[in-house]
């Protein structure tokens, strides 16, 4: 499967230049620190109360409704 005989060539373009600014680094660090502090305050899933599973089930139902997913009930075989 060589492209020599077909006359097709790959289009080349110059690499995109990405500039990293000091403002971008500062914004990244503040977002990272906020995320880390949220993770430290969040309870671990091992110690989650039983009602959280009901919330997760309700969230899954809402997501299924939003995307139009209608799961078919499984029949025992």
Protein backbone atom coordinates (compact mmCIF):
# COMPACT_ATOMS: atom_id res chain seq x y z
CA UNK A 1 0.00 0.00 0.00
CA UNK A 2 2.37 2.64 -1.17
CA UNK A 3 1.22 6.15 -2.02
CA UNK A 4 3.92 6.59 -4.67
CA UNK A 5 1.77 5.34 -7.52
CA UNK A 6 -1.42 7.16 -6.53
CA UNK A 7 0.02 10.65 -6.73
CA UNK A 8 -1.23 11.56 -3.24
CA UNK A 9 1.15 13.42 -1.00
CA UNK A 10 0.89 14.29 2.63
CA UNK A 11 0.12 17.93 3.33
CA UNK A 12 2.84 19.46 5.50
CA UNK A 13 2.36 22.45 7.74
CA UNK A 14 4.62 24.34 10.05
CA UNK A 15 4.40 23.41 13.75
CA UNK A 16 2.12 25.53 15.89
CA UNK A 17 3.98 27.72 18.33
CA UNK A 18 2.67 27.53 21.88
CA UNK A 19 3.63 30.38 24.15
CA UNK A 20 3.52 29.90 27.90
CA UNK A 21 2.89 33.13 29.79
CA UNK A 22 3.41 33.89 33.47
CA UNK A 23 -0.33 34.57 33.85
CA UNK A 24 -1.10 31.07 32.55
CA UNK A 25 1.27 29.50 35.08
CA UNK A 26 -0.25 31.50 37.95
CA UNK A 27 -3.77 30.54 36.89
CA UNK A 28 -2.77 26.87 36.68
CA UNK A 29 -1.23 26.96 40.16
CA UNK A 30 -4.30 28.57 41.75
CA UNK A 31 -6.63 26.06 40.10
CA UNK A 32 -4.39 23.17 41.17
CA UNK A 33 -4.29 24.40 44.78
CA UNK A 34 -8.08 24.82 44.82
CA UNK A 35 -8.54 21.31 43.48
CA UNK A 36 -6.14 19.85 46.03
CA UNK A 37 -7.90 21.61 48.90
CA UNK A 38 -11.26 20.30 47.65
CA UNK A 39 -9.86 16.77 47.46
CA UNK A 40 -8.56 17.00 51.03
CA UNK A 41 -11.97 18.07 52.34
CA UNK A 42 -13.95 15.49 50.35
CA UNK A 43 -14.86 12.32 52.26
CA UNK A 44 -13.28 9.13 51.05
CA UNK A 45 -15.59 6.70 49.21
CA UNK A 46 -14.70 3.96 51.71
CA UNK A 47 -16.47 5.86 54.48
CA UNK A 48 -19.39 7.04 52.37
CA UNK A 49 -22.81 6.71 54.02
CA UNK A 50 -25.42 4.44 52.47
CA UNK A 51 -27.56 7.32 51.19
CA UNK A 52 -24.81 8.39 48.77
CA UNK A 53 -25.45 5.28 46.69
CA UNK A 54 -29.08 6.32 46.30
CA UNK A 55 -27.93 9.75 45.12
CA UNK A 56 -25.55 8.14 42.63
CA UNK A 57 -28.38 5.93 41.33
CA UNK A 58 -30.63 8.98 40.93
CA UNK A 59 -27.84 10.84 39.12
CA UNK A 60 -27.41 7.90 36.74
CA UNK A 61 -31.15 7.91 36.07
CA UNK A 62 -31.04 11.64 35.32
CA UNK A 63 -28.09 11.18 32.98
CA UNK A 64 -29.83 8.31 31.17
CA UNK A 65 -32.94 10.44 30.75
CA UNK A 66 -30.91 13.40 29.48
CA UNK A 67 -29.06 11.39 26.83
CA UNK A 68 -32.09 9.33 25.83
CA UNK A 69 -30.77 5.98 27.07
CA UNK A 70 -33.50 3.47 27.80
CA UNK A 71 -31.93 0.27 29.18
CA UNK A 72 -33.78 -2.90 28.36
CA UNK A 73 -34.56 -5.12 31.36
CA UNK A 74 -32.48 -8.27 31.43
CA UNK A 75 -34.32 -11.54 31.20
CA UNK A 76 -32.98 -14.45 33.22
CA UNK A 77 -31.63 -17.23 31.04
